[in-house]
Amino acid sequence: MYGVIEGEVDIWINDKMVETIKTGDVFGEGALVHENHQRASTALAKTNCLLGFLDREHFLFAVQQTPMFAIEVMRSYSDRLRRLKYLL
């Protein structure tokens, strides 16, 4: 999972740009909850970016130690799915 610390990242699905992720947003969280998961989208930097990275091990630790972290990730994921529902 990546968090955008600075910059903007475009999310593409099936050769269509569907969303721009901005500072404070996260992407790639689906790969942390699905084992052997095929990517559903492609992320391309729109501007110069500074990203934070969280692998599965650290993600699970953060979820266990900070339940509100898990809620915020689920909220972000749910919001994105709602927006994409109308675009695809």
Protein backbone atom coordinates (compact mmCIF):
# COMPACT_ATOMS: atom_id res chain seq x y z
CA MET A 1 0.00 0.00 0.00
CA TYR A 2 1.23 3.48 -0.79
CA GLY A 3 0.37 6.77 0.79
CA VAL A 4 0.81 10.01 -1.14
CA ILE A 5 2.88 12.36 0.99
CA GLU A 6 3.38 14.85 -1.84
CA GLY A 7 2.13 14.94 -5.42
CA GLU A 8 -0.60 13.30 -7.46
CA VAL A 9 -1.03 9.80 -8.87
CA ASP A 10 -3.46 8.83 -11.63
CA ILE A 11 -5.28 5.50 -11.32
CA TRP A 12 -5.98 3.70 -14.59
CA ILE A 13 -8.35 0.78 -15.21
CA ASN A 14 -8.61 -0.85 -18.63
CA ASP A 15 -6.75 2.01 -20.36
CA LYS A 16 -9.07 4.61 -18.80
CA MET A 17 -7.91 7.16 -16.22
CA VAL A 18 -10.52 6.91 -13.48
CA GLU A 19 -9.16 8.87 -10.53
CA THR A 20 -6.38 11.12 -9.31
CA ILE A 21 -5.02 10.26 -5.88
CA LYS A 22 -3.71 13.32 -4.02
CA THR A 23 -1.68 14.17 -0.94
CA GLY A 24 -3.07 12.32 2.08
CA ASP A 25 -4.73 9.54 0.05
CA VAL A 26 -3.67 5.90 -0.21
CA PHE A 27 -3.74 3.34 -3.01
CA GLY A 28 -2.80 -0.29 -3.47
CA GLU A 29 -4.54 -1.37 -0.28
CA GLY A 30 -6.43 -4.14 -2.10
CA ALA A 31 -3.18 -6.05 -2.60
CA LEU A 32 -2.72 -6.26 1.17
CA VAL A 33 -5.98 -8.03 1.88
CA HIS A 34 -6.05 -10.43 -1.08
CA GLU A 35 -3.34 -13.06 -1.33
CA ASN A 36 -2.17 -13.80 -4.88
CA HIS A 37 -4.36 -10.93 -6.04
CA GLN A 38 -4.08 -9.76 -9.63
CA ARG A 39 -3.88 -5.98 -9.84
CA ALA A 40 -7.16 -4.29 -10.66
CA SER A 41 -5.60 -0.97 -11.64
CA THR A 42 -2.38 0.75 -12.61
CA ALA A 43 -0.98 3.77 -10.78
CA LEU A 44 1.06 6.36 -12.69
CA ALA A 45 2.62 9.45 -11.15
CA LYS A 46 0.95 12.57 -12.54
CA THR A 47 3.48 14.87 -10.84
CA ASN A 48 6.70 14.40 -8.94
CA CYS A 49 5.68 12.40 -5.88
CA LEU A 50 6.85 11.45 -2.45
CA LEU A 51 5.21 8.19 -1.40
CA GLY A 52 5.17 6.16 1.78
CA PHE A 53 5.12 2.37 1.50
CA LEU A 54 3.53 -0.15 3.84
CA ASP A 55 4.06 -3.86 3.19
CA ARG A 56 1.66 -6.59 4.34
CA GLU A 57 3.55 -7.35 7.56
CA HIS A 58 3.56 -3.72 8.68
CA PHE A 59 -0.02 -3.22 7.51
CA LEU A 60 -1.21 -6.11 9.69
CA PHE A 61 0.77 -4.72 12.63
CA ALA A 62 -0.78 -1.26 12.16
CA VAL A 63 -4.28 -2.76 11.94
CA GLN A 64 -3.72 -4.78 15.11
CA GLN A 65 -2.19 -1.94 17.10
CA THR A 66 -4.37 0.89 15.79
CA PRO A 67 -7.93 -0.18 14.92
CA MET A 68 -8.80 3.32 13.68
CA PHE A 69 -6.10 2.88 11.03
CA ALA A 70 -8.04 -0.11 9.72
CA ILE A 71 -11.28 1.89 9.72
CA GLU A 72 -9.68 4.72 7.74
CA VAL A 73 -8.24 2.31 5.15
CA MET A 74 -11.63 0.62 4.78
CA ARG A 75 -13.33 4.01 4.43
CA SER A 76 -10.87 5.07 1.73
CA TYR A 77 -11.35 1.77 -0.13
CA SER A 78 -15.14 1.96 0.16
CA ASP A 79 -15.26 5.57 -1.03
CA ARG A 80 -13.11 4.71 -4.04
CA LEU A 81 -15.35 1.76 -4.96
CA ARG A 82 -18.45 3.98 -4.78
CA ARG A 83 -16.87 6.60 -7.05
CA LEU A 84 -15.64 4.01 -9.53
CA LYS A 85 -19.02 2.32 -9.69
CA TYR A 86 -20.34 5.31 -11.61
CA LEU A 87 -17.30 5.71 -13.86
CA LEU A 88 -16.98 2.17 -15.21
